[in-house]
Every structure is written in C-alpha cells, then in structure tokens.
Amino acid sequence: MEAEGTLRGEISLRNQTDKSLSRLTVMVNYLDENGSILFSIPYQANLPNDENDIRNIRAFSELHLNGPVQPGEVVALDGRNLLSITTVPTSAEVVFWLAKHYEDGSSVSTQIGHHGFRTDPLLVETPGYLRLTLSHPAESFETLVKMRINEYGRVLEIQPGREGDTGLTGEQFEALSEQLAEWHFFPALKMATLSNPTFIYS
C-alpha cells in the first residue's frame, strides 16, 4: 500500500468454484488502530459488457477482463480511496464480496460482519471545463472548495475550503460555484447507506 495523500491497495483472488466468473466485487474496510473505519475501497473486475447491477456499490476503477475467470485462476485487483487522508490504516477487513457466474448470469454474495462500509463520493458528471476570468490568465493556481452533496449526488452548497482563503475574488468564486453546482456525484456511502457528506475538493 502506498501513501500519497490517497492510498492504493492491491488484492489477489483465486476462483475456487467450479464455474467461470464474469464479475468479481470485493469491498475492503481499512481501519485505524482502534478498529474504526477510515475508508472503504471497492475492488472490481468484470467483462467489458457486464453491467454493474449493485445499486449501492460503484467501484472507483474497474479491471476489464479479457475473458471469464476460470476455475482455479487467480486475478489481481487494485483500487484506491478518492479523498486525501491524514491517518494511515493499521488493518483491513473484507466486509462484502460478490461473484457472478458467466454461464447463467446467477451470482452469489456475502456480507461479513456488521460494520458496513464507507466510501468516498465519486464524480460521474461534469458539464464541461471550468471557465474563469483571471487577472493573469497565463498563471496557474490551486484552490480548495468545500462541497455538500445530497443522497442523490447533487451539489447542495459550495464554500471556500479554508475561510477567506480561496485565491479568488468574490465574483470569481461565485462564477466557480455556479459551474461546480452542475457537477454530479455517485453518492458517498456510510455504513453501506447513502450519506449526505461535506468534503474538500482541490
């Protein structure tokens, strides 16, 4: 696992069934030293034409398989959390897995324990590039904004990430806010249910 503000994890799975698989989904919780959930990463591999039919789980990245995972075959999955963290996890646990059979489309799944899981909001739609009128257009800049989204992934409120520290004038921040309000997210999940989070976006 690598620490870069966000964390990237890798897992390897072996198909121990007697059927080939078209989809694998595994949810892993990453815990602090007290056993509390810091974040969860959904790992997923699937055939390119196999659509996700799990309502409350969407992987941040998917491994597209060249063919079904055969009995005895090992597949390696990688994933990452989306938001920067300040605490490095000390342990991890699998809390959910699903395997979909290639031949008949049936699936088996298991939820393990009672902790649920907690994922980050996933940006799924932006109407276009952000456009701002800057006093020095050739110069690049970074700013933090705080966005609150609802359980449907819509942006409800936008504020400076740090009070009074955006690097933008009031007029520029208002123009930025109007464009960010059009963004759409796959909602964050907390304890496996849709949540209404406030998060920092850079």
N, C-alpha and C. Protein backbone atom coordinates (compact mmCIF):
# COMPACT_ATOMS: atom_id res chain seq x y z
N MET A 1 0.85 -1.19 0.00
CA MET A 1 0.00 0.00 0.00
C MET A 1 0.89 1.24 0.00
N GLU A 2 0.51 2.25 -0.80
CA GLU A 2 1.30 3.46 -0.92
C GLU A 2 0.55 4.63 -0.31
N ALA A 3 1.29 5.49 0.41
CA ALA A 3 0.68 6.69 0.98
C ALA A 3 1.04 7.88 0.12
N GLU A 4 0.06 8.52 -0.53
CA GLU A 4 0.28 9.68 -1.39
C GLU A 4 -0.85 10.68 -1.19
N GLY A 5 -1.28 10.86 0.06
CA GLY A 5 -2.49 11.63 0.28
C GLY A 5 -3.70 10.71 0.17
N THR A 6 -3.77 9.99 -0.96
CA THR A 6 -4.73 8.88 -1.06
C THR A 6 -3.93 7.58 -0.95
N LEU A 7 -4.63 6.49 -0.76
CA LEU A 7 -3.96 5.20 -0.62
C LEU A 7 -4.41 4.25 -1.72
N ARG A 8 -3.46 3.49 -2.24
CA ARG A 8 -3.75 2.48 -3.25
C ARG A 8 -3.52 1.11 -2.67
N GLY A 9 -4.46 0.20 -2.89
CA GLY A 9 -4.34 -1.15 -2.38
C GLY A 9 -4.43 -2.16 -3.50
N GLU A 10 -3.92 -3.36 -3.25
CA GLU A 10 -3.99 -4.45 -4.21
C GLU A 10 -4.43 -5.72 -3.50
N ILE A 11 -5.27 -6.52 -4.14
CA ILE A 11 -5.67 -7.81 -3.60
C ILE A 11 -5.62 -8.84 -4.73
N SER A 12 -5.39 -10.08 -4.37
CA SER A 12 -5.41 -11.18 -5.34
C SER A 12 -6.49 -12.17 -4.94
N LEU A 13 -7.25 -12.64 -5.92
CA LEU A 13 -8.35 -13.56 -5.67
C LEU A 13 -8.19 -14.80 -6.55
N ARG A 14 -8.51 -15.95 -5.98
CA ARG A 14 -8.50 -17.19 -6.74
C ARG A 14 -9.93 -17.73 -6.85
N ASN A 15 -10.33 -18.09 -8.04
CA ASN A 15 -11.65 -18.68 -8.25
C ASN A 15 -11.62 -20.13 -7.78
N GLN A 16 -12.19 -20.37 -6.61
CA GLN A 16 -12.21 -21.72 -6.05
C GLN A 16 -13.54 -22.43 -6.30
N THR A 17 -14.35 -21.87 -7.19
CA THR A 17 -15.60 -22.55 -7.56
C THR A 17 -15.34 -23.42 -8.78
N ASP A 18 -16.37 -24.13 -9.20
CA ASP A 18 -16.26 -24.95 -10.40
C ASP A 18 -16.91 -24.27 -11.60
N LYS A 19 -17.16 -22.95 -11.48
CA LYS A 19 -17.78 -22.20 -12.57
C LYS A 19 -16.89 -21.01 -12.93
N SER A 20 -16.96 -20.59 -14.20
CA SER A 20 -16.24 -19.40 -14.61
C SER A 20 -17.03 -18.15 -14.19
N LEU A 21 -16.33 -17.04 -13.99
CA LEU A 21 -16.94 -15.83 -13.42
C LEU A 21 -16.79 -14.66 -14.39
N SER A 22 -17.86 -13.87 -14.50
CA SER A 22 -17.83 -12.69 -15.36
C SER A 22 -17.65 -11.40 -14.56
N ARG A 23 -17.84 -11.46 -13.25
CA ARG A 23 -17.70 -10.27 -12.41
C ARG A 23 -17.27 -10.67 -11.00
N LEU A 24 -16.38 -9.88 -10.44
CA LEU A 24 -15.96 -10.02 -9.04
C LEU A 24 -16.01 -8.64 -8.39
N THR A 25 -16.64 -8.54 -7.26
CA THR A 25 -16.67 -7.29 -6.50
C THR A 25 -16.32 -7.61 -5.05
N VAL A 26 -15.35 -6.90 -4.50
CA VAL A 26 -14.93 -7.11 -3.11
C VAL A 26 -14.83 -5.75 -2.44
N MET A 27 -15.49 -5.58 -1.29
CA MET A 27 -15.41 -4.35 -0.51
C MET A 27 -14.48 -4.59 0.68
N VAL A 28 -13.47 -3.75 0.81
CA VAL A 28 -12.49 -3.88 1.90
C VAL A 28 -12.52 -2.62 2.74
N ASN A 29 -12.70 -2.79 4.05
CA ASN A 29 -12.59 -1.68 5.00
C ASN A 29 -11.15 -1.54 5.46
N TYR A 30 -10.70 -0.30 5.58
CA TYR A 30 -9.38 -0.02 6.14
C TYR A 30 -9.57 0.71 7.46
N LEU A 31 -8.95 0.16 8.52
CA LEU A 31 -9.26 0.55 9.89
C LEU A 31 -8.07 1.24 10.56
N ASP A 32 -8.38 2.09 11.53
CA ASP A 32 -7.32 2.69 12.34
C ASP A 32 -6.96 1.75 13.49
N GLU A 33 -6.10 2.20 14.38
CA GLU A 33 -5.62 1.33 15.46
C GLU A 33 -6.71 0.98 16.46
N ASN A 34 -7.82 1.75 16.45
CA ASN A 34 -8.94 1.46 17.35
C ASN A 34 -10.02 0.61 16.69
N GLY A 35 -9.78 0.21 15.44
CA GLY A 35 -10.76 -0.60 14.74
C GLY A 35 -11.88 0.18 14.08
N SER A 36 -11.76 1.51 14.04
CA SER A 36 -12.77 2.34 13.38
C SER A 36 -12.46 2.45 11.89
N ILE A 37 -13.50 2.54 11.07
CA ILE A 37 -13.32 2.60 9.62
C ILE A 37 -12.81 3.98 9.21
N LEU A 38 -11.66 3.98 8.53
CA LEU A 38 -11.16 5.22 7.94
C LEU A 38 -11.79 5.44 6.56
N PHE A 39 -11.83 4.40 5.77
CA PHE A 39 -12.43 4.45 4.44
C PHE A 39 -12.59 3.03 3.94
N SER A 40 -13.32 2.87 2.85
CA SER A 40 -13.50 1.56 2.22
C SER A 40 -13.14 1.67 0.75
N ILE A 41 -12.60 0.60 0.20
CA ILE A 41 -12.28 0.56 -1.22
C ILE A 41 -13.04 -0.60 -1.86
N PRO A 42 -13.87 -0.30 -2.88
CA PRO A 42 -14.50 -1.38 -3.65
C PRO A 42 -13.57 -1.82 -4.78
N TYR A 43 -13.20 -3.08 -4.79
CA TYR A 43 -12.37 -3.65 -5.86
C TYR A 43 -13.30 -4.39 -6.82
N GLN A 44 -13.02 -4.25 -8.12
CA GLN A 44 -13.94 -4.87 -9.07
C GLN A 44 -13.21 -5.30 -10.34
N ALA A 45 -13.60 -6.46 -10.86
CA ALA A 45 -13.16 -6.94 -12.17
C ALA A 45 -14.38 -7.49 -12.89
N ASN A 46 -14.50 -7.20 -14.17
CA ASN A 46 -15.66 -7.67 -14.92
C ASN A 46 -15.36 -7.69 -16.41
N LEU A 47 -16.14 -8.48 -17.13
CA LEU A 47 -16.08 -8.44 -18.59
C LEU A 47 -16.59 -7.09 -19.07
N PRO A 48 -16.06 -6.56 -20.17
CA PRO A 48 -16.43 -5.20 -20.61
C PRO A 48 -17.93 -5.00 -20.81
N ASN A 49 -18.65 -6.01 -21.22
CA ASN A 49 -20.09 -5.86 -21.48
C ASN A 49 -20.96 -6.26 -20.29
N ASP A 50 -20.35 -6.51 -19.14
CA ASP A 50 -21.09 -6.92 -17.96
C ASP A 50 -21.42 -5.70 -17.12
N GLU A 51 -22.69 -5.30 -17.05
CA GLU A 51 -23.08 -4.08 -16.36
C GLU A 51 -23.21 -4.31 -14.86
N ASN A 52 -22.86 -3.27 -14.10
CA ASN A 52 -22.97 -3.34 -12.65
C ASN A 52 -24.44 -3.25 -12.25
N ASP A 53 -24.94 -4.24 -11.52
CA ASP A 53 -26.34 -4.22 -11.09
C ASP A 53 -26.46 -4.11 -9.57
N ILE A 54 -25.38 -3.68 -8.90
CA ILE A 54 -25.43 -3.46 -7.46
C ILE A 54 -25.71 -1.98 -7.23
N ARG A 55 -26.84 -1.66 -6.64
CA ARG A 55 -27.26 -0.27 -6.55
C ARG A 55 -26.32 0.59 -5.72
N ASN A 56 -25.86 0.08 -4.58
CA ASN A 56 -25.15 0.96 -3.64
C ASN A 56 -23.64 0.75 -3.65
N ILE A 57 -23.11 0.11 -4.67
CA ILE A 57 -21.65 -0.02 -4.78
C ILE A 57 -21.23 0.34 -6.19
N ARG A 58 -20.31 1.25 -6.31
CA ARG A 58 -19.71 1.54 -7.60
C ARG A 58 -18.21 1.66 -7.40
N ALA A 59 -17.48 0.82 -8.09
CA ALA A 59 -16.03 0.83 -7.95
C ALA A 59 -15.45 2.11 -8.56
N PHE A 60 -14.38 2.63 -7.95
CA PHE A 60 -13.73 3.82 -8.46
C PHE A 60 -12.98 3.50 -9.76
N SER A 61 -12.55 2.27 -9.89
CA SER A 61 -11.91 1.81 -11.12
C SER A 61 -12.26 0.34 -11.31
N GLU A 62 -12.32 -0.09 -12.56
CA GLU A 62 -12.69 -1.46 -12.87
C GLU A 62 -11.59 -2.10 -13.71
N LEU A 63 -11.30 -3.35 -13.42
CA LEU A 63 -10.43 -4.14 -14.28
C LEU A 63 -11.30 -4.85 -15.30
N HIS A 64 -11.09 -4.55 -16.58
CA HIS A 64 -11.85 -5.22 -17.63
C HIS A 64 -11.12 -6.50 -18.01
N LEU A 65 -11.79 -7.61 -17.80
CA LEU A 65 -11.21 -8.92 -18.05
C LEU A 65 -11.21 -9.22 -19.55
N ASN A 66 -10.20 -9.93 -20.00
CA ASN A 66 -10.16 -10.38 -21.39
C ASN A 66 -11.09 -11.56 -21.62
N GLY A 67 -11.40 -12.28 -20.57
CA GLY A 67 -12.31 -13.41 -20.64
C GLY A 67 -12.75 -13.79 -19.24
N PRO A 68 -13.70 -14.69 -19.12
CA PRO A 68 -14.17 -15.10 -17.79
C PRO A 68 -13.03 -15.66 -16.95
N VAL A 69 -13.13 -15.46 -15.63
CA VAL A 69 -12.16 -16.02 -14.69
C VAL A 69 -12.47 -17.50 -14.53
N GLN A 70 -11.56 -18.35 -14.96
CA GLN A 70 -11.79 -19.79 -14.97
C GLN A 70 -11.57 -20.39 -13.58
N PRO A 71 -12.14 -21.55 -13.30
CA PRO A 71 -11.88 -22.23 -12.02
C PRO A 71 -10.38 -22.40 -11.79
N GLY A 72 -9.94 -22.01 -10.59
CA GLY A 72 -8.52 -22.11 -10.25
C GLY A 72 -7.69 -20.92 -10.66
N GLU A 73 -8.24 -20.04 -11.49
CA GLU A 73 -7.47 -18.89 -11.98
C GLU A 73 -7.37 -17.81 -10.91
N VAL A 74 -6.23 -17.09 -10.89
CA VAL A 74 -6.00 -16.00 -9.95
C VAL A 74 -6.10 -14.67 -10.71
N VAL A 75 -6.78 -13.71 -10.12
CA VAL A 75 -6.88 -12.38 -10.72
C VAL A 75 -6.46 -11.35 -9.67
N ALA A 76 -5.66 -10.36 -10.08
CA ALA A 76 -5.18 -9.31 -9.18
C ALA A 76 -5.98 -8.04 -9.42
N LEU A 77 -6.47 -7.43 -8.35
CA LEU A 77 -7.26 -6.21 -8.43
C LEU A 77 -6.55 -5.10 -7.69
N ASP A 78 -6.68 -3.89 -8.19
CA ASP A 78 -6.16 -2.75 -7.44
C ASP A 78 -7.23 -1.67 -7.37
N GLY A 79 -7.13 -0.82 -6.36
CA GLY A 79 -8.09 0.25 -6.16
C GLY A 79 -7.51 1.29 -5.23
N ARG A 80 -8.20 2.39 -5.07
CA ARG A 80 -7.74 3.45 -4.17
C ARG A 80 -8.93 4.21 -3.62
N ASN A 81 -8.69 4.86 -2.48
CA ASN A 81 -9.71 5.78 -1.98
C ASN A 81 -9.53 7.10 -2.72
N LEU A 82 -10.54 7.95 -2.72
CA LEU A 82 -10.52 9.14 -3.55
C LEU A 82 -10.12 10.41 -2.82
N LEU A 83 -10.32 10.46 -1.53
CA LEU A 83 -10.05 11.68 -0.78
C LEU A 83 -8.78 11.54 0.04
N SER A 84 -8.06 12.66 0.20
CA SER A 84 -6.83 12.63 0.98
C SER A 84 -7.13 12.29 2.43
N ILE A 85 -6.22 11.55 3.06
CA ILE A 85 -6.39 11.17 4.46
C ILE A 85 -5.14 11.56 5.23
N THR A 86 -5.27 11.67 6.53
CA THR A 86 -4.14 12.04 7.38
C THR A 86 -3.73 10.90 8.30
N THR A 87 -4.53 9.84 8.34
CA THR A 87 -4.23 8.69 9.19
C THR A 87 -4.02 7.46 8.33
N VAL A 88 -2.91 6.79 8.53
CA VAL A 88 -2.63 5.57 7.77
C VAL A 88 -3.30 4.39 8.45
N PRO A 89 -4.05 3.57 7.72
CA PRO A 89 -4.72 2.42 8.34
C PRO A 89 -3.73 1.41 8.88
N THR A 90 -4.13 0.72 9.95
CA THR A 90 -3.27 -0.31 10.55
C THR A 90 -3.75 -1.71 10.25
N SER A 91 -4.98 -1.86 9.75
CA SER A 91 -5.50 -3.19 9.41
C SER A 91 -6.60 -3.04 8.36
N ALA A 92 -7.00 -4.17 7.81
CA ALA A 92 -8.06 -4.17 6.79
C ALA A 92 -8.92 -5.41 6.97
N GLU A 93 -10.17 -5.33 6.50
CA GLU A 93 -11.07 -6.47 6.59
C GLU A 93 -12.00 -6.49 5.37
N VAL A 94 -12.27 -7.67 4.86
CA VAL A 94 -13.24 -7.84 3.78
C VAL A 94 -14.64 -7.87 4.40
N VAL A 95 -15.55 -7.01 3.92
CA VAL A 95 -16.89 -6.95 4.51
C VAL A 95 -17.98 -7.34 3.52
N PHE A 96 -17.62 -7.45 2.25
CA PHE A 96 -18.62 -7.85 1.26
C PHE A 96 -17.89 -8.39 0.03
N TRP A 97 -18.46 -9.44 -0.56
CA TRP A 97 -17.95 -9.90 -1.85
C TRP A 97 -19.08 -10.45 -2.69
N LEU A 98 -18.92 -10.35 -4.00
CA LEU A 98 -19.90 -10.86 -4.94
C LEU A 98 -19.18 -11.50 -6.11
N ALA A 99 -19.67 -12.64 -6.55
CA ALA A 99 -19.15 -13.31 -7.74
C ALA A 99 -20.31 -13.64 -8.65
N LYS A 100 -20.20 -13.25 -9.92
CA LYS A 100 -21.26 -13.51 -10.89
C LYS A 100 -20.81 -14.59 -11.85
N HIS A 101 -21.66 -15.61 -12.03
CA HIS A 101 -21.32 -16.74 -12.89
C HIS A 101 -21.50 -16.36 -14.36
N TYR A 102 -20.53 -16.75 -15.17
CA TYR A 102 -20.55 -16.40 -16.58
C TYR A 102 -21.61 -17.18 -17.35
N GLU A 103 -21.77 -18.46 -17.04
CA GLU A 103 -22.64 -19.32 -17.84
C GLU A 103 -24.11 -18.94 -17.76
N ASP A 104 -24.62 -18.72 -16.56
CA ASP A 104 -26.07 -18.49 -16.42
C ASP A 104 -26.43 -17.12 -15.86
N GLY A 105 -25.43 -16.27 -15.53
CA GLY A 105 -25.72 -14.94 -15.03
C GLY A 105 -26.13 -14.89 -13.58
N SER A 106 -26.18 -16.04 -12.91
CA SER A 106 -26.51 -16.04 -11.48
C SER A 106 -25.33 -15.51 -10.68
N SER A 107 -25.57 -15.14 -9.45
CA SER A 107 -24.49 -14.60 -8.62
C SER A 107 -24.63 -15.06 -7.19
N VAL A 108 -23.53 -15.07 -6.48
CA VAL A 108 -23.51 -15.35 -5.04
C VAL A 108 -22.80 -14.19 -4.36
N SER A 109 -23.26 -13.83 -3.18
CA SER A 109 -22.64 -12.73 -2.45
C SER A 109 -22.75 -12.98 -0.96
N THR A 110 -21.86 -12.36 -0.22
CA THR A 110 -21.85 -12.50 1.24
C THR A 110 -21.46 -11.17 1.86
N GLN A 111 -22.22 -10.73 2.86
CA GLN A 111 -21.83 -9.58 3.66
C GLN A 111 -21.30 -10.11 4.99
N ILE A 112 -20.10 -9.68 5.35
CA ILE A 112 -19.40 -10.23 6.50
C ILE A 112 -19.41 -9.21 7.64
N GLY A 113 -19.84 -9.62 8.82
CA GLY A 113 -19.82 -8.73 9.97
C GLY A 113 -20.96 -7.72 9.91
N HIS A 114 -20.90 -6.74 10.81
CA HIS A 114 -21.97 -5.76 10.94
C HIS A 114 -21.47 -4.33 10.81
N HIS A 115 -20.21 -4.16 10.43
CA HIS A 115 -19.65 -2.81 10.37
C HIS A 115 -20.15 -2.00 9.18
N GLY A 116 -20.59 -2.68 8.10
CA GLY A 116 -20.92 -1.95 6.89
C GLY A 116 -19.64 -1.43 6.24
N PHE A 117 -19.75 -0.36 5.45
CA PHE A 117 -18.57 0.21 4.82
C PHE A 117 -18.81 1.68 4.54
N ARG A 118 -17.73 2.39 4.19
CA ARG A 118 -17.82 3.84 3.97
C ARG A 118 -16.95 4.21 2.78
N THR A 119 -17.58 4.67 1.71
CA THR A 119 -16.83 5.03 0.51
C THR A 119 -16.92 6.53 0.27
N ASP A 120 -16.03 7.02 -0.57
CA ASP A 120 -15.98 8.43 -0.92
C ASP A 120 -16.92 8.73 -2.09
N PRO A 121 -17.39 9.98 -2.19
CA PRO A 121 -18.22 10.34 -3.35
C PRO A 121 -17.39 10.24 -4.63
N LEU A 122 -18.02 9.80 -5.70
CA LEU A 122 -17.34 9.57 -6.97
C LEU A 122 -17.91 10.51 -8.02
N LEU A 123 -17.07 11.35 -8.58
CA LEU A 123 -17.50 12.30 -9.59
C LEU A 123 -17.86 11.54 -10.87
N VAL A 124 -19.09 11.71 -11.34
CA VAL A 124 -19.53 10.97 -12.52
C VAL A 124 -19.95 11.89 -13.67
N GLU A 125 -20.15 13.18 -13.41
CA GLU A 125 -20.60 14.06 -14.48
C GLU A 125 -20.12 15.48 -14.26
N THR A 126 -19.47 16.05 -15.26
CA THR A 126 -19.15 17.48 -15.28
C THR A 126 -19.63 18.02 -16.62
N PRO A 127 -20.39 19.11 -16.62
CA PRO A 127 -20.92 19.64 -17.88
C PRO A 127 -19.83 20.09 -18.86
N GLY A 128 -18.66 20.43 -18.36
CA GLY A 128 -17.59 20.91 -19.24
C GLY A 128 -16.42 21.41 -18.41
N TYR A 129 -15.45 21.98 -19.09
CA TYR A 129 -14.30 22.53 -18.39
C TYR A 129 -14.71 23.75 -17.57
N LEU A 130 -14.07 23.92 -16.42
CA LEU A 130 -14.31 25.12 -15.63
C LEU A 130 -13.73 26.33 -16.35
N ARG A 131 -14.48 27.40 -16.39
CA ARG A 131 -14.04 28.62 -17.08
C ARG A 131 -14.13 29.80 -16.13
N LEU A 132 -12.98 30.47 -15.94
CA LEU A 132 -12.91 31.63 -15.06
C LEU A 132 -12.12 32.73 -15.76
N THR A 133 -12.51 33.99 -15.49
CA THR A 133 -11.75 35.13 -15.97
C THR A 133 -10.74 35.51 -14.90
N LEU A 134 -9.44 35.37 -15.22
CA LEU A 134 -8.38 35.63 -14.25
C LEU A 134 -7.62 36.89 -14.64
N SER A 135 -7.07 37.55 -13.63
CA SER A 135 -6.30 38.77 -13.89
C SER A 135 -5.00 38.46 -14.61
N HIS A 136 -4.45 37.27 -14.37
CA HIS A 136 -3.22 36.83 -15.04
C HIS A 136 -3.49 35.46 -15.64
N PRO A 137 -4.11 35.40 -16.83
CA PRO A 137 -4.56 34.12 -17.40
C PRO A 137 -3.46 33.09 -17.60
N ALA A 138 -2.21 33.54 -17.77
CA ALA A 138 -1.12 32.60 -18.04
C ALA A 138 -0.69 31.86 -16.78
N GLU A 139 -1.08 32.35 -15.62
CA GLU A 139 -0.65 31.75 -14.36
C GLU A 139 -1.65 30.68 -13.91
N SER A 140 -1.12 29.58 -13.42
CA SER A 140 -1.99 28.54 -12.86
C SER A 140 -2.13 28.77 -11.35
N PHE A 141 -3.17 28.22 -10.75
CA PHE A 141 -3.36 28.35 -9.32
C PHE A 141 -4.14 27.15 -8.81
N GLU A 142 -4.04 26.92 -7.52
CA GLU A 142 -4.81 25.87 -6.87
C GLU A 142 -5.67 26.48 -5.79
N THR A 143 -6.85 25.92 -5.60
CA THR A 143 -7.72 26.38 -4.53
C THR A 143 -8.50 25.19 -3.99
N LEU A 144 -8.94 25.30 -2.76
CA LEU A 144 -9.77 24.27 -2.13
C LEU A 144 -11.19 24.79 -2.00
N VAL A 145 -12.15 23.93 -2.28
CA VAL A 145 -13.55 24.27 -2.05
C VAL A 145 -14.20 23.15 -1.25
N LYS A 146 -15.19 23.50 -0.48
CA LYS A 146 -15.93 22.55 0.33
C LYS A 146 -17.32 22.42 -0.28
N MET A 147 -17.68 21.17 -0.65
CA MET A 147 -18.98 20.94 -1.28
C MET A 147 -19.80 19.98 -0.44
N ARG A 148 -21.07 20.29 -0.28
CA ARG A 148 -22.00 19.38 0.39
C ARG A 148 -22.92 18.80 -0.67
N ILE A 149 -23.02 17.48 -0.72
CA ILE A 149 -23.86 16.85 -1.72
C ILE A 149 -24.96 16.04 -1.02
N ASN A 150 -26.07 15.84 -1.73
CA ASN A 150 -27.17 15.09 -1.12
C ASN A 150 -27.08 13.62 -1.47
N GLU A 151 -28.07 12.86 -1.00
CA GLU A 151 -28.03 11.42 -1.19
C GLU A 151 -28.21 11.00 -2.65
N TYR A 152 -28.56 11.97 -3.51
CA TYR A 152 -28.68 11.67 -4.94
C TYR A 152 -27.45 12.12 -5.72
N GLY A 153 -26.45 12.64 -5.02
CA GLY A 153 -25.21 13.04 -5.67
C GLY A 153 -25.20 14.45 -6.22
N ARG A 154 -26.23 15.24 -5.89
CA ARG A 154 -26.29 16.63 -6.36
C ARG A 154 -25.60 17.56 -5.37
N VAL A 155 -24.95 18.59 -5.90
CA VAL A 155 -24.25 19.55 -5.06
C VAL A 155 -25.26 20.52 -4.45
N LEU A 156 -25.27 20.62 -3.11
CA LEU A 156 -26.21 21.49 -2.42
C LEU A 156 -25.59 22.83 -2.02
N GLU A 157 -24.32 22.80 -1.67
CA GLU A 157 -23.70 24.01 -1.13
C GLU A 157 -22.20 23.99 -1.43
N ILE A 158 -21.65 25.17 -1.71
CA ILE A 158 -20.23 25.31 -2.02
C ILE A 158 -19.67 26.45 -1.18
N GLN A 159 -18.56 26.18 -0.48
CA GLN A 159 -17.90 27.17 0.36
C GLN A 159 -16.40 27.08 0.15
N PRO A 160 -15.67 28.13 0.52
CA PRO A 160 -14.21 28.03 0.47
C PRO A 160 -13.72 26.91 1.38
N GLY A 161 -12.69 26.20 0.93
CA GLY A 161 -12.14 25.12 1.74
C GLY A 161 -11.57 25.62 3.05
N ARG A 162 -10.97 26.80 2.99
CA ARG A 162 -10.49 27.48 4.19
C ARG A 162 -11.12 28.86 4.21
N GLU A 163 -11.63 29.24 5.33
CA GLU A 163 -12.35 30.50 5.44
C GLU A 163 -11.47 31.66 4.97
N GLY A 164 -11.97 32.41 3.97
CA GLY A 164 -11.27 33.58 3.49
C GLY A 164 -10.01 33.29 2.70
N ASP A 165 -9.82 32.05 2.28
CA ASP A 165 -8.58 31.68 1.59
C ASP A 165 -8.89 30.84 0.37
N THR A 166 -9.31 31.47 -0.73
CA THR A 166 -9.59 30.75 -1.97
C THR A 166 -8.65 31.16 -3.09
N GLY A 167 -7.98 32.30 -2.95
CA GLY A 167 -7.16 32.81 -4.04
C GLY A 167 -8.00 33.43 -5.14
N LEU A 168 -9.31 33.55 -4.92
CA LEU A 168 -10.22 34.12 -5.91
C LEU A 168 -10.97 35.31 -5.32
N THR A 169 -11.37 36.22 -6.17
CA THR A 169 -12.23 37.31 -5.73
C THR A 169 -13.63 36.76 -5.50
N GLY A 170 -14.47 37.55 -4.86
CA GLY A 170 -15.85 37.12 -4.62
C GLY A 170 -16.58 36.81 -5.92
N GLU A 171 -16.35 37.63 -6.94
CA GLU A 171 -17.00 37.42 -8.23
C GLU A 171 -16.51 36.15 -8.90
N GLN A 172 -15.19 35.90 -8.82
CA GLN A 172 -14.64 34.68 -9.40
C GLN A 172 -15.15 33.44 -8.68
N PHE A 173 -15.21 33.50 -7.34
CA PHE A 173 -15.69 32.34 -6.58
C PHE A 173 -17.16 32.07 -6.88
N GLU A 174 -17.94 33.12 -7.07
CA GLU A 174 -19.36 32.92 -7.42
C GLU A 174 -19.49 32.25 -8.78
N ALA A 175 -18.66 32.66 -9.74
CA ALA A 175 -18.69 32.04 -11.07
C ALA A 175 -18.26 30.58 -10.99
N LEU A 176 -17.24 30.29 -10.16
CA LEU A 176 -16.79 28.92 -9.97
C LEU A 176 -17.90 28.08 -9.33
N SER A 177 -18.57 28.64 -8.32
CA SER A 177 -19.62 27.92 -7.61
C SER A 177 -20.78 27.56 -8.53
N GLU A 178 -21.14 28.46 -9.42
CA GLU A 178 -22.24 28.20 -10.36
C GLU A 178 -21.91 27.01 -11.25
N GLN A 179 -20.65 26.87 -11.64
CA GLN A 179 -20.26 25.75 -12.51
C GLN A 179 -20.15 24.45 -11.72
N LEU A 180 -19.60 24.53 -10.50
CA LEU A 180 -19.49 23.32 -9.67
C LEU A 180 -20.86 22.79 -9.28
N ALA A 181 -21.84 23.66 -9.19
CA ALA A 181 -23.20 23.23 -8.82
C ALA A 181 -23.80 22.30 -9.87
N GLU A 182 -23.23 22.27 -11.07
CA GLU A 182 -23.71 21.39 -12.13
C GLU A 182 -23.07 20.01 -12.09
N TRP A 183 -22.07 19.83 -11.22
CA TRP A 183 -21.41 18.54 -11.12
C TRP A 183 -22.35 17.53 -10.47
N HIS A 184 -22.13 16.27 -10.78
CA HIS A 184 -22.97 15.20 -10.24
C HIS A 184 -22.07 14.07 -9.76
N PHE A 185 -22.36 13.56 -8.57
CA PHE A 185 -21.54 12.53 -7.95
C PHE A 185 -22.35 11.26 -7.72
N PHE A 186 -21.66 10.11 -7.81
CA PHE A 186 -22.24 8.90 -7.23
C PHE A 186 -22.07 9.08 -5.74
N PRO A 187 -23.14 9.02 -4.95
CA PRO A 187 -23.06 9.45 -3.55
C PRO A 187 -22.06 8.66 -2.72
N ALA A 188 -21.58 9.32 -1.69
CA ALA A 188 -20.78 8.62 -0.69
C ALA A 188 -21.67 7.64 0.06
N LEU A 189 -21.06 6.62 0.61
CA LEU A 189 -21.80 5.64 1.41
C LEU A 189 -21.20 5.61 2.81
N LYS A 190 -22.06 5.58 3.80
CA LYS A 190 -21.61 5.44 5.18
C LYS A 190 -22.40 4.32 5.83
N MET A 191 -21.70 3.31 6.33
CA MET A 191 -22.31 2.13 6.90
C MET A 191 -23.24 1.46 5.87
N ALA A 192 -22.81 1.51 4.58
CA ALA A 192 -23.50 0.86 3.46
C ALA A 192 -24.81 1.54 3.09
N THR A 193 -25.04 2.76 3.60
CA THR A 193 -26.22 3.51 3.21
C THR A 193 -25.79 4.84 2.62
N LEU A 194 -26.66 5.44 1.80
CA LEU A 194 -26.34 6.72 1.19
C LEU A 194 -26.19 7.78 2.27
N SER A 195 -25.16 8.62 2.12
CA SER A 195 -24.94 9.66 3.12
C SER A 195 -24.94 11.03 2.46
N ASN A 196 -24.92 12.05 3.28
CA ASN A 196 -25.03 13.43 2.83
C ASN A 196 -23.79 14.18 3.31
N PRO A 197 -22.65 13.98 2.63
CA PRO A 197 -21.39 14.43 3.20
C PRO A 197 -21.01 15.86 2.78
N THR A 198 -20.10 16.42 3.56
CA THR A 198 -19.37 17.61 3.16
C THR A 198 -17.93 17.18 2.97
N PHE A 199 -17.31 17.54 1.85
CA PHE A 199 -15.95 17.12 1.62
C PHE A 199 -15.17 18.21 0.90
N ILE A 200 -13.85 18.11 0.98
CA ILE A 200 -12.97 19.10 0.39
C ILE A 200 -12.51 18.63 -0.97
N TYR A 201 -12.59 19.52 -1.97
CA TYR A 201 -12.17 19.16 -3.32
C TYR A 201 -11.15 20.17 -3.78
N SER A 202 -10.07 19.69 -4.37
CA SER A 202 -8.99 20.58 -4.82
C SER A 202 -8.98 20.61 -6.34
